[in-house]
Amino acid sequence: MSSTNAHSTDTHSATSHSVPPRLPHGPLVGMVHLRALPGSPSSAMRPAEIVKVAVAEARLLEEAGFDALIVENMHDRPYLADAGTADTVATFAIATAAVTAAVRIPVGVQVLSGATSAALAIAHAAGGSFIRAEGFVFASVADEGLLAEACAGPLLRERRRIGASSVRILADIRKKHSSHAITGDLDGAAWARAAEFFGADGIIVTGSETGAAVDMAELASVRAATTLPVLVGSGATPQGAAALLEHADALIVGSALKRDGLWSNEIDPVRADAMVRAVRGVRTP
């Protein structure tokens, strides 16, 4: 970062922040979008085929220079409010185990939508390092319906019960694809403070929907409000990486890696390389 930027010298800068063990130790987290799992409306592959594709994508991203991965069931739309069903969890778990065995970088888990306890169990059983948890604090109205109960209390108790304390929890604040009118008197900074108070290991800030850019003012306010690592969860591009990393410790990247920038397409190695080059350029003195 430029030495002329005041933020680069304060205690919340991305380069000075202390990252807890088993969280991404670098600035780039790539998405591995599992093909539609058995039981979902678009399911068309056998579990073994789903695993094969996931491992290939994971290896591609690691070889490109990504620092961590998140395995996610993005193709299972429309999502259930709690997708922790047996058919979802079974294939998800074997795919995650295969990915963790195939790469050396940390692997996280997100089960769409809202299945944080299932994600925790999968990560714990399959060698995952962290999970992404939407709905960690406060309520919202999502495209899956009313998410009336925050998951922090049950989730941390479940983590203790199954002995999964090494699996870290990255908490989304103001979940994307949601209305937050019910908490309209709370800004992003208040959400971040609540998530930290309730035991999150990191904070994720997103735009309003998949691929949407974050609000830079909100990102800056969240950075100032918490001592936890802050990650950008949507809308990261090579062109915007430098500005985002003025406030964030890491970028979670999915859509920008895909052909034509569309999340449902295949990973484009040229786009993945461009993202790595952009971030490395920011982090190289």
Protein backbone atom coordinates (compact mmCIF):
# COMPACT_ATOMS: atom_id res chain seq x y z
CA MET A 1 0.00 0.00 0.00
CA SER A 2 1.09 3.52 -0.59
CA SER A 3 3.01 5.08 2.29
CA THR A 4 1.04 8.26 1.73
CA ASN A 5 -2.21 6.60 2.82
CA ALA A 6 -2.84 7.26 6.50
CA HIS A 7 -4.80 4.04 6.90
CA SER A 8 -1.75 1.95 6.02
CA THR A 9 -0.09 2.98 9.29
CA ASP A 10 -2.95 2.63 11.75
CA THR A 11 -3.64 -0.31 14.01
CA HIS A 12 -6.40 -1.68 11.81
CA SER A 13 -4.42 -1.97 8.56
CA ALA A 14 -4.63 -5.23 6.65
CA THR A 15 -0.90 -5.84 6.90
CA SER A 16 -0.67 -5.33 10.66
CA HIS A 17 -3.73 -7.32 11.73
CA SER A 18 -3.27 -10.51 13.70
CA VAL A 19 -5.14 -13.43 12.12
CA PRO A 20 -6.22 -16.30 14.40
CA PRO A 21 -4.89 -19.77 13.57
CA ARG A 22 -6.73 -21.73 10.85
CA LEU A 23 -8.15 -18.62 9.22
CA PRO A 24 -6.84 -17.64 5.78
CA HIS A 25 -3.25 -16.48 6.21
CA GLY A 26 -3.28 -14.53 2.95
CA PRO A 27 -5.54 -12.08 1.19
CA LEU A 28 -7.21 -14.31 -1.41
CA VAL A 29 -9.98 -16.83 -0.70
CA GLY A 30 -11.40 -18.61 -3.73
CA MET A 31 -14.84 -20.17 -4.02
CA VAL A 32 -15.34 -23.82 -4.99
CA HIS A 33 -18.99 -24.00 -6.03
CA LEU A 34 -20.14 -27.61 -5.76
CA ARG A 35 -22.34 -28.75 -8.62
CA ALA A 36 -25.97 -29.24 -7.57
CA LEU A 37 -26.13 -31.81 -4.80
CA PRO A 38 -28.50 -34.79 -4.67
CA GLY A 39 -31.97 -33.68 -3.67
CA SER A 40 -31.66 -30.14 -5.04
CA PRO A 41 -33.81 -29.09 -8.03
CA SER A 42 -30.90 -28.88 -10.50
CA SER A 43 -29.14 -32.05 -9.43
CA ALA A 44 -27.70 -33.84 -12.47
CA MET A 45 -24.38 -35.39 -11.34
CA ARG A 46 -23.57 -38.41 -9.25
CA PRO A 47 -21.69 -37.64 -6.03
CA ALA A 48 -18.41 -39.00 -7.43
CA GLU A 49 -18.65 -36.61 -10.37
CA ILE A 50 -19.38 -33.66 -8.07
CA VAL A 51 -16.30 -34.52 -6.01
CA LYS A 52 -14.11 -34.79 -9.12
CA VAL A 53 -15.10 -31.33 -10.35
CA ALA A 54 -14.62 -29.78 -6.91
CA VAL A 55 -11.12 -31.21 -6.54
CA ALA A 56 -10.13 -29.99 -10.00
CA GLU A 57 -11.33 -26.45 -9.21
CA ALA A 58 -9.60 -26.46 -5.83
CA ARG A 59 -6.30 -27.50 -7.37
CA LEU A 60 -6.64 -24.88 -10.10
CA LEU A 61 -7.13 -22.10 -7.54
CA GLU A 62 -4.29 -23.28 -5.32
CA GLU A 63 -1.93 -23.45 -8.29
CA ALA A 64 -3.04 -19.96 -9.35
CA GLY A 65 -1.88 -18.63 -5.98
CA PHE A 66 -5.00 -18.45 -3.81
CA ASP A 67 -4.42 -18.57 -0.07
CA ALA A 68 -7.57 -20.42 1.03
CA LEU A 69 -10.79 -21.89 -0.34
CA ILE A 70 -14.46 -22.07 0.63
CA VAL A 71 -16.55 -25.03 -0.52
CA GLU A 72 -20.18 -23.99 -1.05
CA ASN A 73 -23.37 -25.48 -2.51
CA MET A 74 -24.13 -22.45 -4.68
CA HIS A 75 -25.86 -24.51 -7.37
CA ASP A 76 -28.52 -25.83 -4.95
CA ARG A 77 -30.89 -22.90 -5.57
CA PRO A 78 -33.55 -22.19 -4.50
CA TYR A 79 -32.07 -22.57 -1.04
CA LEU A 80 -33.71 -23.93 2.06
CA ALA A 81 -33.72 -21.78 5.19
CA ASP A 82 -31.75 -24.60 6.83
CA ALA A 83 -30.20 -26.93 4.27
CA GLY A 84 -28.72 -29.38 6.78
CA THR A 85 -30.56 -32.36 5.27
CA ALA A 86 -28.97 -35.79 5.06
CA ASP A 87 -28.59 -35.86 1.27
CA THR A 88 -26.93 -32.43 1.23
CA VAL A 89 -24.59 -33.12 4.14
CA ALA A 90 -23.46 -36.54 2.90
CA THR A 91 -22.18 -35.42 -0.51
CA PHE A 92 -20.96 -32.10 0.86
CA ALA A 93 -18.84 -33.91 3.44
CA ILE A 94 -17.15 -36.29 1.02
CA ALA A 95 -16.48 -33.43 -1.41
CA THR A 96 -14.95 -31.28 1.33
CA ALA A 97 -12.79 -34.17 2.54
CA ALA A 98 -11.54 -34.73 -1.00
CA VAL A 99 -10.72 -31.03 -1.41
CA THR A 100 -8.85 -30.80 1.89
CA ALA A 101 -6.84 -33.89 0.91
CA ALA A 102 -6.01 -32.42 -2.50
CA VAL A 103 -4.67 -29.00 -1.41
CA ARG A 104 -2.36 -27.61 1.27
CA ILE A 105 -4.16 -24.31 1.87
CA PRO A 106 -6.98 -23.83 4.44
CA VAL A 107 -10.44 -24.94 3.35
CA GLY A 108 -13.67 -23.47 4.66
CA VAL A 109 -17.30 -24.57 4.39
CA GLN A 110 -20.57 -22.75 3.77
CA VAL A 111 -23.84 -24.65 3.48
CA LEU A 112 -26.53 -22.53 1.85
CA SER A 113 -28.58 -21.47 3.38
CA GLY A 114 -28.30 -21.04 7.10
CA ALA A 115 -27.05 -24.55 7.86
CA THR A 116 -24.27 -23.42 10.13
CA SER A 117 -24.31 -26.44 12.43
CA ALA A 118 -24.12 -28.73 9.39
CA ALA A 119 -21.23 -26.67 8.02
CA LEU A 120 -19.46 -26.95 11.35
CA ALA A 121 -19.90 -30.73 11.44
CA ILE A 122 -18.70 -31.07 7.84
CA ALA A 123 -15.62 -28.95 8.46
CA HIS A 124 -14.81 -30.83 11.65
CA ALA A 125 -15.18 -34.26 10.03
CA ALA A 126 -13.54 -33.40 6.71
CA GLY A 127 -10.51 -31.44 7.90
CA GLY A 128 -11.87 -27.97 7.19
CA SER A 129 -10.37 -24.96 8.92
CA PHE A 130 -13.29 -22.54 9.14
CA ILE A 131 -16.92 -21.97 8.22
CA ARG A 132 -18.82 -18.99 6.85
CA ALA A 133 -21.88 -18.29 8.98
CA GLU A 134 -24.74 -16.11 7.84
CA GLY A 135 -27.25 -15.08 10.50
CA PHE A 136 -24.67 -15.20 13.30
CA VAL A 137 -26.22 -12.19 15.01
CA PHE A 138 -29.58 -10.44 14.61
CA ALA A 139 -32.52 -11.36 12.38
CA SER A 140 -33.30 -10.55 8.75
CA VAL A 141 -35.72 -11.32 5.94
CA ALA A 142 -33.88 -13.28 3.25
CA ASP A 143 -34.97 -14.69 -0.09
CA GLU A 144 -35.44 -18.00 1.79
CA GLY A 145 -37.89 -16.28 4.17
CA LEU A 146 -37.72 -14.89 7.68
CA LEU A 147 -34.47 -15.74 9.46
CA ALA A 148 -35.81 -15.00 12.91
CA GLU A 149 -33.14 -16.56 15.14
CA ALA A 150 -29.45 -15.68 15.29
CA CYS A 151 -27.25 -18.77 15.30
CA ALA A 152 -24.32 -17.66 17.47
CA GLY A 153 -25.56 -19.17 20.73
CA PRO A 154 -26.49 -22.63 19.43
CA LEU A 155 -23.51 -22.74 17.04
CA LEU A 156 -20.81 -22.04 19.63
CA ARG A 157 -22.37 -24.53 22.02
CA GLU A 158 -22.42 -27.12 19.25
CA ARG A 159 -18.77 -26.37 18.47
CA ARG A 160 -17.89 -27.09 22.09
CA ARG A 161 -20.09 -30.20 22.24
CA ILE A 162 -18.49 -31.93 19.23
CA GLY A 163 -14.95 -30.85 20.06
CA ALA A 164 -14.57 -28.61 17.01
CA SER A 165 -12.90 -25.64 18.72
CA SER A 166 -10.23 -25.54 16.03
CA VAL A 167 -12.85 -24.72 13.37
CA ARG A 168 -13.07 -20.93 13.16
CA ILE A 169 -16.26 -19.00 12.42
CA LEU A 170 -16.36 -16.15 9.91
CA ALA A 171 -19.61 -14.27 10.47
CA ASP A 172 -21.43 -12.40 7.74
CA ILE A 173 -22.95 -9.14 8.85
CA ARG A 174 -26.02 -7.77 7.10
CA LYS A 175 -26.37 -10.95 5.01
CA LYS A 176 -26.64 -10.39 1.28
CA HIS A 177 -29.86 -11.27 -0.58
CA SER A 178 -31.73 -9.97 2.45
CA SER A 179 -33.78 -7.08 3.74
CA HIS A 180 -32.53 -5.54 6.97
CA ALA A 181 -35.42 -3.22 7.71
CA ILE A 182 -36.03 -5.15 10.92
CA THR A 183 -32.63 -3.93 12.17
CA GLY A 184 -32.68 -0.63 10.34
CA ASP A 185 -31.50 1.25 13.43
CA LEU A 186 -28.20 -0.70 13.41
CA ASP A 187 -25.30 0.11 11.10
CA GLY A 188 -22.57 -2.25 9.97
CA ALA A 189 -20.29 -1.20 12.80
CA ALA A 190 -22.92 -2.21 15.37
CA TRP A 191 -23.33 -5.59 13.68
CA ALA A 192 -19.55 -6.10 13.74
CA ARG A 193 -19.30 -5.25 17.41
CA ALA A 194 -22.15 -7.65 18.20
CA ALA A 195 -20.55 -10.47 16.20
CA GLU A 196 -17.23 -9.94 17.98
CA PHE A 197 -18.95 -9.85 21.38
CA PHE A 198 -20.74 -13.10 20.56
CA GLY A 199 -17.52 -14.92 19.70
CA ALA A 200 -16.99 -14.72 15.94
CA ASP A 201 -13.44 -15.27 14.73
CA GLY A 202 -13.77 -12.95 11.72
CA ILE A 203 -16.22 -10.58 10.05
CA ILE A 204 -17.45 -10.71 6.43
CA VAL A 205 -18.83 -7.61 4.72
CA THR A 206 -20.77 -8.02 1.47
CA GLY A 207 -22.76 -6.12 -1.09
CA SER A 208 -26.50 -6.55 -1.45
CA GLU A 209 -26.28 -9.69 -3.62
CA THR A 210 -23.86 -12.13 -5.22
CA GLY A 211 -21.21 -10.25 -7.18
CA ALA A 212 -22.32 -6.84 -5.87
CA ALA A 213 -19.67 -4.43 -4.61
CA VAL A 214 -19.49 -3.60 -0.94
CA ASP A 215 -20.28 -0.14 0.35
CA MET A 216 -16.82 1.31 0.96
CA ALA A 217 -18.00 3.57 3.78
CA GLU A 218 -19.56 0.60 5.56
CA LEU A 219 -16.41 -1.47 5.05
CA ALA A 220 -14.30 1.30 6.57
CA SER A 221 -16.65 1.66 9.53
CA VAL A 222 -16.60 -2.09 10.19
CA ARG A 223 -12.81 -2.09 10.04
CA ALA A 224 -12.70 0.65 12.66
CA ALA A 225 -15.27 -1.09 14.87
CA THR A 226 -13.66 -4.49 15.38
CA THR A 227 -10.34 -6.05 16.31
CA LEU A 228 -11.21 -9.17 14.28
CA PRO A 229 -10.04 -9.92 10.74
CA VAL A 230 -12.36 -8.36 8.16
CA LEU A 231 -13.05 -10.05 4.83
CA VAL A 232 -14.89 -8.76 1.78
CA GLY A 233 -17.50 -11.33 0.76
CA SER A 234 -18.71 -10.13 -2.63
CA GLY A 235 -17.89 -7.89 -5.55
CA ALA A 236 -14.09 -8.13 -5.44
CA THR A 237 -12.38 -7.58 -8.80
CA PRO A 238 -8.78 -7.06 -9.91
CA GLN A 239 -9.56 -3.40 -10.55
CA GLY A 240 -10.97 -2.83 -7.06
CA ALA A 241 -8.63 -5.03 -5.01
CA ALA A 242 -6.28 -2.26 -3.91
CA ALA A 243 -9.06 -0.08 -2.51
CA LEU A 244 -10.68 -3.01 -0.70
CA LEU A 245 -7.43 -4.12 0.90
CA GLU A 246 -6.98 -0.69 2.43
CA HIS A 247 -9.63 -1.85 4.92
CA ALA A 248 -9.92 -5.64 4.55
CA ASP A 249 -7.60 -8.48 5.51
CA ALA A 250 -8.81 -10.75 2.73
CA LEU A 251 -11.11 -10.97 -0.29
CA ILE A 252 -13.49 -13.86 -0.92
CA VAL A 253 -13.75 -14.19 -4.69
CA GLY A 254 -16.22 -16.22 -6.74
CA SER A 255 -18.00 -14.47 -9.60
CA ALA A 256 -14.92 -12.56 -10.77
CA LEU A 257 -13.10 -15.87 -11.38
CA LYS A 258 -15.76 -17.29 -13.66
CA ARG A 259 -16.10 -17.02 -17.42
CA ASP A 260 -17.80 -13.70 -18.26
CA GLY A 261 -17.93 -12.91 -14.54
CA LEU A 262 -21.00 -15.11 -14.01
CA TRP A 263 -20.92 -17.25 -10.85
CA SER A 264 -22.56 -20.28 -12.51
CA ASN A 265 -19.92 -20.56 -15.26
CA GLU A 266 -16.65 -22.47 -15.13
CA ILE A 267 -13.54 -20.94 -13.57
CA ASP A 268 -11.51 -19.01 -16.14
CA PRO A 269 -7.78 -19.51 -15.40
CA VAL A 270 -7.00 -16.15 -17.00
CA ARG A 271 -9.39 -14.38 -14.63
CA ALA A 272 -8.01 -16.27 -11.64
CA ASP A 273 -4.48 -15.26 -12.59
CA ALA A 274 -5.53 -11.62 -13.01
CA MET A 275 -7.00 -11.61 -9.51
CA VAL A 276 -3.85 -13.08 -8.00
CA ARG A 277 -1.64 -10.60 -9.85
CA ALA A 278 -3.76 -7.66 -8.71
CA VAL A 279 -3.61 -8.66 -5.05
CA ARG A 280 0.05 -9.55 -5.10
CA GLY A 281 0.72 -6.13 -6.61
CA VAL A 282 -1.01 -4.49 -3.64
CA ARG A 283 0.83 -6.57 -1.06
CA THR A 284 4.30 -6.30 -2.64
CA PRO A 285 6.29 -3.34 -1.17
